């Protein structure tokens, strides 16, 4: 299995690519189409695959949606998970995502500062003024083609579906998003949301080293990056 490439609905990876391994944690490159935690559907999940491959229990530090690929931090002990939870709570872990969206973002870069609230059937929505959880996302356009754009997104808060809801509010939802895009209300025919957890930066809570980890690009992002390089944009 190639890093960052989507899985079929029923397939289980024979390995989980490891971007960094220490005595206290692993940073994995999660494929799109793999749920992080086991649910009642009986489908393959990352936590069960991890335990089988590494013969140890995973202590999940943060979540990625099933259709999101890329960087996922997994602690190897509950004590290390607590250290990472503290870093996230204090805003000391910087994450960068790539998103392939419909249309062009207007303006091409900026900050989306819109509170979020829980909606129906697992969806989230922009909250009414004075309500909801404060939510902020920085974004910039890397490259645009007719009908699609590649955006770099940096969530400044960590709400569920934050990037997906914010981009839909901006008028440029993820290309394959069944909840917030044009395919809303229909099951996704693709396991890949075209949202990729690309980079993470933090100070190692154990060693104190500065960590700057980057995940390999999925095909849809690589194609747009190459087009951007050819146009001189990047």
C-alpha atoms as a PDB file:
ATOM      1  CA  UNK A   1       0.000   0.000   0.000  1.00  0.00           C
ATOM      2  CA  UNK A   2       1.334   3.423  -0.924  1.00  0.00           C
ATOM      3  CA  UNK A   3       1.360   6.156   1.728  1.00  0.00           C
ATOM      4  CA  UNK A   4      -1.651   8.486   1.712  1.00  0.00           C
ATOM      5  CA  UNK A   5      -3.545   6.548  -0.948  1.00  0.00           C
ATOM      6  CA  UNK A   6      -7.188   5.660  -0.186  1.00  0.00           C
ATOM      7  CA  UNK A   7      -8.361   2.233   0.888  1.00  0.00           C
ATOM      8  CA  UNK A   8     -11.368   0.419  -0.460  1.00  0.00           C
ATOM      9  CA  UNK A   9     -14.296   0.084   1.933  1.00  0.00           C
ATOM     10  CA  UNK A  10     -13.383  -3.435   3.048  1.00  0.00           C
ATOM     11  CA  UNK A  11      -9.602  -3.629   2.725  1.00  0.00           C
ATOM     12  CA  UNK A  12      -7.229  -3.688   5.678  1.00  0.00           C
ATOM     13  CA  UNK A  13      -3.714  -2.285   5.271  1.00  0.00           C
ATOM     14  CA  UNK A  14      -0.868  -4.736   5.742  1.00  0.00           C
ATOM     15  CA  UNK A  15       1.172  -1.899   7.216  1.00  0.00           C
ATOM     16  CA  UNK A  16       0.736   1.599   8.611  1.00  0.00           C
ATOM     17  CA  UNK A  17       3.461   3.919   7.311  1.00  0.00           C
ATOM     18  CA  UNK A  18       5.422   5.424  10.220  1.00  0.00           C
ATOM     19  CA  UNK A  19       6.811   8.932   9.711  1.00  0.00           C
ATOM     20  CA  UNK A  20       8.479   9.103  13.134  1.00  0.00           C
ATOM     21  CA  UNK A  21       8.880   6.573  15.932  1.00  0.00           C
ATOM     22  CA  UNK A  22      10.098   7.232  19.471  1.00  0.00           C
ATOM     23  CA  UNK A  23       9.847   5.298  22.719  1.00  0.00           C
ATOM     24  CA  UNK A  24       6.821   7.412  23.642  1.00  0.00           C
ATOM     25  CA  UNK A  25       4.825   7.797  20.424  1.00  0.00           C
ATOM     26  CA  UNK A  26       4.519   7.124  16.712  1.00  0.00           C
ATOM     27  CA  UNK A  27       3.487   9.532  13.976  1.00  0.00           C
ATOM     28  CA  UNK A  28       1.594   7.603  11.315  1.00  0.00           C
ATOM     29  CA  UNK A  29       0.591   8.384   7.740  1.00  0.00           C
ATOM     30  CA  UNK A  30      -3.087   7.394   7.827  1.00  0.00           C
ATOM     31  CA  UNK A  31      -4.661   6.332   4.530  1.00  0.00           C
ATOM     32  CA  UNK A  32      -7.987   7.838   3.518  1.00  0.00           C
ATOM     33  CA  UNK A  33     -10.904   5.455   3.998  1.00  0.00           C
ATOM     34  CA  UNK A  34      -9.730   4.095   7.367  1.00  0.00           C
ATOM     35  CA  UNK A  35     -11.636   5.077  10.526  1.00  0.00           C
ATOM     36  CA  UNK A  36      -9.407   5.900  13.482  1.00  0.00           C
ATOM     37  CA  UNK A  37     -11.580   4.100  16.050  1.00  0.00           C
ATOM     38  CA  UNK A  38     -13.654   0.945  15.824  1.00  0.00           C
ATOM     39  CA  UNK A  39     -17.411   1.492  15.557  1.00  0.00           C
ATOM     40  CA  UNK A  40     -20.474  -0.755  15.462  1.00  0.00           C
ATOM     41  CA  UNK A  41     -20.275  -1.359  11.697  1.00  0.00           C
ATOM     42  CA  UNK A  42     -17.616  -4.037  12.059  1.00  0.00           C
ATOM     43  CA  UNK A  43     -15.425  -2.370   9.435  1.00  0.00           C
ATOM     44  CA  UNK A  44     -11.653  -2.235   9.665  1.00  0.00           C
ATOM     45  CA  UNK A  45     -10.308   0.580  11.863  1.00  0.00           C
ATOM     46  CA  UNK A  46      -6.873   2.014  12.535  1.00  0.00           C
ATOM     47  CA  UNK A  47      -6.838   1.166  16.241  1.00  0.00           C
ATOM     48  CA  UNK A  48      -7.372  -2.557  15.586  1.00  0.00           C
ATOM     49  CA  UNK A  49      -4.889  -2.631  12.693  1.00  0.00           C
ATOM     50  CA  UNK A  50      -2.325  -0.806  14.846  1.00  0.00           C
ATOM     51  CA  UNK A  51      -2.666  -3.292  17.695  1.00  0.00           C
ATOM     52  CA  UNK A  52      -2.239  -6.202  15.290  1.00  0.00           C
ATOM     53  CA  UNK A  53       0.797  -4.731  13.513  1.00  0.00           C
ATOM     54  CA  UNK A  54       2.680  -3.341  16.516  1.00  0.00           C
ATOM     55  CA  UNK A  55       1.413  -5.725  19.203  1.00  0.00           C
ATOM     56  CA  UNK A  56       0.608  -2.887  21.580  1.00  0.00           C
ATOM     57  CA  UNK A  57      -2.386  -0.765  22.470  1.00  0.00           C
ATOM     58  CA  UNK A  58      -2.688   2.597  20.696  1.00  0.00           C
ATOM     59  CA  UNK A  59      -3.417   5.697  22.767  1.00  0.00           C
ATOM     60  CA  UNK A  60      -5.055   7.986  20.238  1.00  0.00           C
ATOM     61  CA  UNK A  61      -4.010  11.614  20.725  1.00  0.00           C
ATOM     62  CA  UNK A  62      -6.317  13.236  18.171  1.00  0.00           C
ATOM     63  CA  UNK A  63      -8.773  12.205  15.478  1.00  0.00           C
ATOM     64  CA  UNK A  64      -8.969  12.432  11.708  1.00  0.00           C
ATOM     65  CA  UNK A  65     -12.176  11.865   9.774  1.00  0.00           C
ATOM     66  CA  UNK A  66     -12.367   8.521   7.989  1.00  0.00           C
ATOM     67  CA  UNK A  67     -11.897  10.162   4.589  1.00  0.00           C
ATOM     68  CA  UNK A  68      -8.984  12.353   5.696  1.00  0.00           C
ATOM     69  CA  UNK A  69      -5.454  11.125   5.013  1.00  0.00           C
ATOM     70  CA  UNK A  70      -2.103  12.018   6.519  1.00  0.00           C
ATOM     71  CA  UNK A  71      -0.446  12.698   9.856  1.00  0.00           C
ATOM     72  CA  UNK A  72      -1.867  11.054  12.975  1.00  0.00           C
ATOM     73  CA  UNK A  73      -0.095  11.054  16.351  1.00  0.00           C
ATOM     74  CA  UNK A  74      -0.473   7.897  18.446  1.00  0.00           C
ATOM     75  CA  UNK A  75       0.957   7.749  21.970  1.00  0.00           C
ATOM     76  CA  UNK A  76       2.390   4.487  23.245  1.00  0.00           C
ATOM     77  CA  UNK A  77       1.467   5.055  26.904  1.00  0.00           C
ATOM     78  CA  UNK A  78      -1.375   6.891  28.655  1.00  0.00           C
ATOM     79  CA  UNK A  79       1.183   9.209  30.250  1.00  0.00           C
ATOM     80  CA  UNK A  80       2.488  10.370  26.867  1.00  0.00           C
ATOM     81  CA  UNK A  81      -1.068  10.814  25.601  1.00  0.00           C
ATOM     82  CA  UNK A  82      -1.669  13.176  28.532  1.00  0.00           C
ATOM     83  CA  UNK A  83       1.413  15.201  27.548  1.00  0.00           C
ATOM     84  CA  UNK A  84       0.162  15.550  23.971  1.00  0.00           C
ATOM     85  CA  UNK A  85      -3.345  16.418  25.127  1.00  0.00           C
ATOM     86  CA  UNK A  86      -1.800  19.278  27.073  1.00  0.00           C
ATOM     87  CA  UNK A  87       0.095  20.504  24.000  1.00  0.00           C
ATOM     88  CA  UNK A  88      -3.104  20.485  21.942  1.00  0.00           C
ATOM     89  CA  UNK A  89      -5.067  22.264  24.672  1.00  0.00           C
ATOM     90  CA  UNK A  90      -2.404  24.974  24.875  1.00  0.00           C
ATOM     91  CA  UNK A  91      -2.284  25.437  21.101  1.00  0.00           C
ATOM     92  CA  UNK A  92       1.346  24.318  20.909  1.00  0.00           C
ATOM     93  CA  UNK A  93       0.877  21.874  18.032  1.00  0.00           C
ATOM     94  CA  UNK A  94       0.673  23.546  14.614  1.00  0.00           C
ATOM     95  CA  UNK A  95      -1.096  21.508  11.940  1.00  0.00           C
ATOM     96  CA  UNK A  96      -1.294  22.235   8.214  1.00  0.00           C
ATOM     97  CA  UNK A  97      -3.770  20.575   5.865  1.00  0.00           C
ATOM     98  CA  UNK A  98      -4.192  20.484   2.100  1.00  0.00           C
ATOM     99  CA  UNK A  99      -7.710  20.664   0.702  1.00  0.00           C
ATOM    100  CA  UNK A 100      -8.936  20.209  -2.860  1.00  0.00           C
ATOM    101  CA  UNK A 101     -12.089  22.297  -3.126  1.00  0.00           C
ATOM    102  CA  UNK A 102     -14.741  23.300  -5.611  1.00  0.00           C
ATOM    103  CA  UNK A 103     -14.380  26.714  -7.256  1.00  0.00           C
ATOM    104  CA  UNK A 104     -11.918  29.461  -6.274  1.00  0.00           C
ATOM    105  CA  UNK A 105     -11.695  30.820  -2.743  1.00  0.00           C
ATOM    106  CA  UNK A 106     -12.689  34.468  -2.457  1.00  0.00           C
ATOM    107  CA  UNK A 107     -10.646  36.120  -1.125  1.00  0.00           C
ATOM    108  CA  UNK A 108      -7.779  33.803  -2.146  1.00  0.00           C
ATOM    109  CA  UNK A 109      -6.381  33.840   1.394  1.00  0.00           C
ATOM    110  CA  UNK A 110      -7.558  34.891   4.818  1.00  0.00           C
ATOM    111  CA  UNK A 111      -8.932  33.740   8.164  1.00  0.00           C
ATOM    112  CA  UNK A 112     -12.368  32.199   8.627  1.00  0.00           C
ATOM    113  CA  UNK A 113     -13.605  33.160  12.098  1.00  0.00           C
ATOM    114  CA  UNK A 114     -17.003  31.490  12.450  1.00  0.00           C
ATOM    115  CA  UNK A 115     -18.259  29.620  15.547  1.00  0.00           C
ATOM    116  CA  UNK A 116     -19.476  26.048  15.107  1.00  0.00           C
ATOM    117  CA  UNK A 117     -22.394  24.169  16.626  1.00  0.00           C
ATOM    118  CA  UNK A 118     -23.594  20.586  16.380  1.00  0.00           C
ATOM    119  CA  UNK A 119     -26.346  19.986  13.846  1.00  0.00           C
ATOM    120  CA  UNK A 120     -28.346  16.907  12.882  1.00  0.00           C
ATOM    121  CA  UNK A 121     -27.177  13.430  11.939  1.00  0.00           C
ATOM    122  CA  UNK A 122     -23.500  13.954  12.755  1.00  0.00           C
ATOM    123  CA  UNK A 123     -23.245  17.244  10.903  1.00  0.00           C
ATOM    124  CA  UNK A 124     -21.912  20.532  12.241  1.00  0.00           C
ATOM    125  CA  UNK A 125     -22.926  24.025  11.212  1.00  0.00           C
ATOM    126  CA  UNK A 126     -22.042  27.680  11.552  1.00  0.00           C
ATOM    127  CA  UNK A 127     -23.575  28.825  14.839  1.00  0.00           C
ATOM    128  CA  UNK A 128     -25.874  31.790  15.336  1.00  0.00           C
ATOM    129  CA  UNK A 129     -24.168  35.005  16.532  1.00  0.00           C
ATOM    130  CA  UNK A 130     -23.236  34.773  20.211  1.00  0.00           C
ATOM    131  CA  UNK A 131     -23.554  30.978  20.331  1.00  0.00           C
ATOM    132  CA  UNK A 132     -21.441  27.950  19.449  1.00  0.00           C
ATOM    133  CA  UNK A 133     -17.746  27.230  19.933  1.00  0.00           C
ATOM    134  CA  UNK A 134     -15.179  29.786  18.701  1.00  0.00           C
ATOM    135  CA  UNK A 135     -13.503  28.364  15.584  1.00  0.00           C
ATOM    136  CA  UNK A 136     -10.810  29.867  13.370  1.00  0.00           C
ATOM    137  CA  UNK A 137      -9.070  28.585  10.242  1.00  0.00           C
ATOM    138  CA  UNK A 138      -6.317  30.305   8.257  1.00  0.00           C
ATOM    139  CA  UNK A 139      -6.199  29.433   4.559  1.00  0.00           C
ATOM    140  CA  UNK A 140      -4.406  30.396   1.368  1.00  0.00           C
ATOM    141  CA  UNK A 141      -4.766  29.354  -2.250  1.00  0.00           C
ATOM    142  CA  UNK A 142      -1.833  27.384  -3.653  1.00  0.00           C
ATOM    143  CA  UNK A 143      -3.234  26.829  -7.151  1.00  0.00           C
ATOM    144  CA  UNK A 144      -6.526  27.122  -9.017  1.00  0.00           C
ATOM    145  CA  UNK A 145      -7.854  25.518 -12.186  1.00  0.00           C
ATOM    146  CA  UNK A 146     -11.286  26.014 -13.750  1.00  0.00           C
ATOM    147  CA  UNK A 147     -13.703  24.684 -11.144  1.00  0.00           C
ATOM    148  CA  UNK A 148     -11.194  23.565  -8.484  1.00  0.00           C
ATOM    149  CA  UNK A 149      -8.549  24.969  -6.123  1.00  0.00           C
ATOM    150  CA  UNK A 150      -5.865  23.566  -3.845  1.00  0.00           C
ATOM    151  CA  UNK A 151      -5.853  25.320  -0.472  1.00  0.00           C
ATOM    152  CA  UNK A 152      -3.444  25.215   2.442  1.00  0.00           C
ATOM    153  CA  UNK A 153      -5.449  25.308   5.686  1.00  0.00           C
ATOM    154  CA  UNK A 154      -4.251  25.856   9.243  1.00  0.00           C
ATOM    155  CA  UNK A 155      -6.873  25.253  11.933  1.00  0.00           C
ATOM    156  CA  UNK A 156      -6.246  27.553  14.899  1.00  0.00           C
ATOM    157  CA  UNK A 157      -8.853  25.664  16.923  1.00  0.00           C
ATOM    158  CA  UNK A 158      -9.637  21.953  16.862  1.00  0.00           C
ATOM    159  CA  UNK A 159     -13.369  21.521  16.317  1.00  0.00           C
ATOM    160  CA  UNK A 160     -14.961  18.475  14.699  1.00  0.00           C
ATOM    161  CA  UNK A 161     -15.332  18.963  10.917  1.00  0.00           C
ATOM    162  CA  UNK A 162     -13.934  22.490  11.338  1.00  0.00           C
ATOM    163  CA  UNK A 163     -12.118  22.794   8.009  1.00  0.00           C
ATOM    164  CA  UNK A 164     -14.950  21.110   6.112  1.00  0.00           C
ATOM    165  CA  UNK A 165     -17.640  23.407   7.524  1.00  0.00           C
ATOM    166  CA  UNK A 166     -15.538  26.555   7.197  1.00  0.00           C
ATOM    167  CA  UNK A 167     -14.678  25.871   3.556  1.00  0.00           C
ATOM    168  CA  UNK A 168     -18.313  25.126   2.747  1.00  0.00           C
ATOM    169  CA  UNK A 169     -19.270  28.437   4.395  1.00  0.00           C
ATOM    170  CA  UNK A 170     -16.671  30.160   2.203  1.00  0.00           C
ATOM    171  CA  UNK A 171     -18.431  28.718  -0.846  1.00  0.00           C
ATOM    172  CA  UNK A 172     -15.753  26.187  -1.791  1.00  0.00           C
ATOM    173  CA  UNK A 173     -16.483  22.819  -0.134  1.00  0.00           C
ATOM    174  CA  UNK A 174     -14.227  19.795  -0.477  1.00  0.00           C
ATOM    175  CA  UNK A 175     -14.605  18.168  -3.881  1.00  0.00           C
ATOM    176  CA  UNK A 176     -15.745  14.797  -2.490  1.00  0.00           C
ATOM    177  CA  UNK A 177     -17.516  15.834   0.720  1.00  0.00           C
ATOM    178  CA  UNK A 178     -20.850  13.957   1.107  1.00  0.00           C
ATOM    179  CA  UNK A 179     -21.911  16.070   4.117  1.00  0.00           C
ATOM    180  CA  UNK A 180     -21.044  19.620   3.132  1.00  0.00           C
ATOM    181  CA  UNK A 181     -20.421  19.518  -0.623  1.00  0.00           C
ATOM    182  CA  UNK A 182     -22.552  19.135  -3.736  1.00  0.00           C
ATOM    183  CA  UNK A 183     -22.927  15.431  -2.947  1.00  0.00           C
ATOM    184  CA  UNK A 184     -24.622  16.298   0.338  1.00  0.00           C
ATOM    185  CA  UNK A 185     -27.053  13.663   1.569  1.00  0.00           C
ATOM    186  CA  UNK A 186     -25.603  10.910  -0.610  1.00  0.00           C
ATOM    187  CA  UNK A 187     -23.138   8.231   0.541  1.00  0.00           C
ATOM    188  CA  UNK A 188     -19.603   8.963  -0.580  1.00  0.00           C
ATOM    189  CA  UNK A 189     -18.556   6.936  -3.612  1.00  0.00           C
ATOM    190  CA  UNK A 190     -14.925   7.760  -2.821  1.00  0.00           C
ATOM    191  CA  UNK A 191     -13.131   6.902   0.436  1.00  0.00           C
ATOM    192  CA  UNK A 192     -11.007  10.044  -0.007  1.00  0.00           C
ATOM    193  CA  UNK A 193     -12.395  13.416   1.146  1.00  0.00           C
ATOM    194  CA  UNK A 194      -9.564  15.317  -0.622  1.00  0.00           C
ATOM    195  CA  UNK A 195      -8.442  16.600   2.781  1.00  0.00           C
ATOM    196  CA  UNK A 196      -4.876  15.733   3.811  1.00  0.00           C
ATOM    197  CA  UNK A 197      -3.142  16.266   7.162  1.00  0.00           C
ATOM    198  CA  UNK A 198       0.122  17.429   5.615  1.00  0.00           C
ATOM    199  CA  UNK A 199       2.445  18.922   8.235  1.00  0.00           C
ATOM    200  CA  UNK A 200       2.767  19.094  12.002  1.00  0.00           C
ATOM    201  CA  UNK A 201       5.160  21.124  14.150  1.00  0.00           C
ATOM    202  CA  UNK A 202       5.613  20.853  17.916  1.00  0.00           C
ATOM    203  CA  UNK A 203       8.176  20.650  20.686  1.00  0.00           C
ATOM    204  CA  UNK A 204       8.632  17.025  21.720  1.00  0.00           C
ATOM    205  CA  UNK A 205       7.038  16.757  25.187  1.00  0.00           C
ATOM    206  CA  UNK A 206       9.618  14.165  26.249  1.00  0.00           C
ATOM    207  CA  UNK A 207      12.951  15.146  24.656  1.00  0.00           C
ATOM    208  CA  UNK A 208      12.321  18.845  24.071  1.00  0.00           C
ATOM    209  CA  UNK A 209      13.355  18.518  20.403  1.00  0.00           C
ATOM    210  CA  UNK A 210      11.610  20.593  17.763  1.00  0.00           C
ATOM    211  CA  UNK A 211       9.631  18.263  15.503  1.00  0.00           C
ATOM    212  CA  UNK A 212       8.670  19.232  11.961  1.00  0.00           C
ATOM    213  CA  UNK A 213       6.978  16.298  10.238  1.00  0.00           C
ATOM    214  CA  UNK A 214       5.627  16.207   6.682  1.00  0.00           C
ATOM    215  CA  UNK A 215       3.450  13.529   5.091  1.00  0.00           C
ATOM    216  CA  UNK A 216       3.858  12.447   1.441  1.00  0.00           C
ATOM    217  CA  UNK A 217       1.307  14.039  -0.865  1.00  0.00           C
ATOM    218  CA  UNK A 218      -1.702  12.070  -2.122  1.00  0.00           C
ATOM    219  CA  UNK A 219      -2.113  11.970  -5.895  1.00  0.00           C
ATOM    220  CA  UNK A 220      -4.736  14.734  -6.090  1.00  0.00           C
ATOM    221  CA  UNK A 221      -2.501  17.136  -4.130  1.00  0.00           C
ATOM    222  CA  UNK A 222       0.675  16.192  -5.998  1.00  0.00           C
ATOM    223  CA  UNK A 223      -0.991  16.878  -9.336  1.00  0.00           C
ATOM    224  CA  UNK A 224      -2.068  20.361  -8.242  1.00  0.00           C
ATOM    225  CA  UNK A 225       1.341  21.096  -6.701  1.00  0.00           C
ATOM    226  CA  UNK A 226       3.048  20.201  -9.977  1.00  0.00           C
ATOM    227  CA  UNK A 227       0.677  22.486 -11.858  1.00  0.00           C
ATOM    228  CA  UNK A 228       1.411  25.274  -9.375  1.00  0.00           C
ATOM    229  CA  UNK A 229       5.160  24.780  -9.829  1.00  0.00           C
ATOM    230  CA  UNK A 230       4.752  24.881 -13.599  1.00  0.00           C
ATOM    231  CA  UNK A 231       2.832  28.137 -13.412  1.00  0.00           C
ATOM    232  CA  UNK A 232       5.423  29.699 -11.098  1.00  0.00           C
ATOM    233  CA  UNK A 233       2.861  30.177  -8.343  1.00  0.00           C
ATOM    234  CA  UNK A 234       4.649  28.123  -5.678  1.00  0.00           C
END
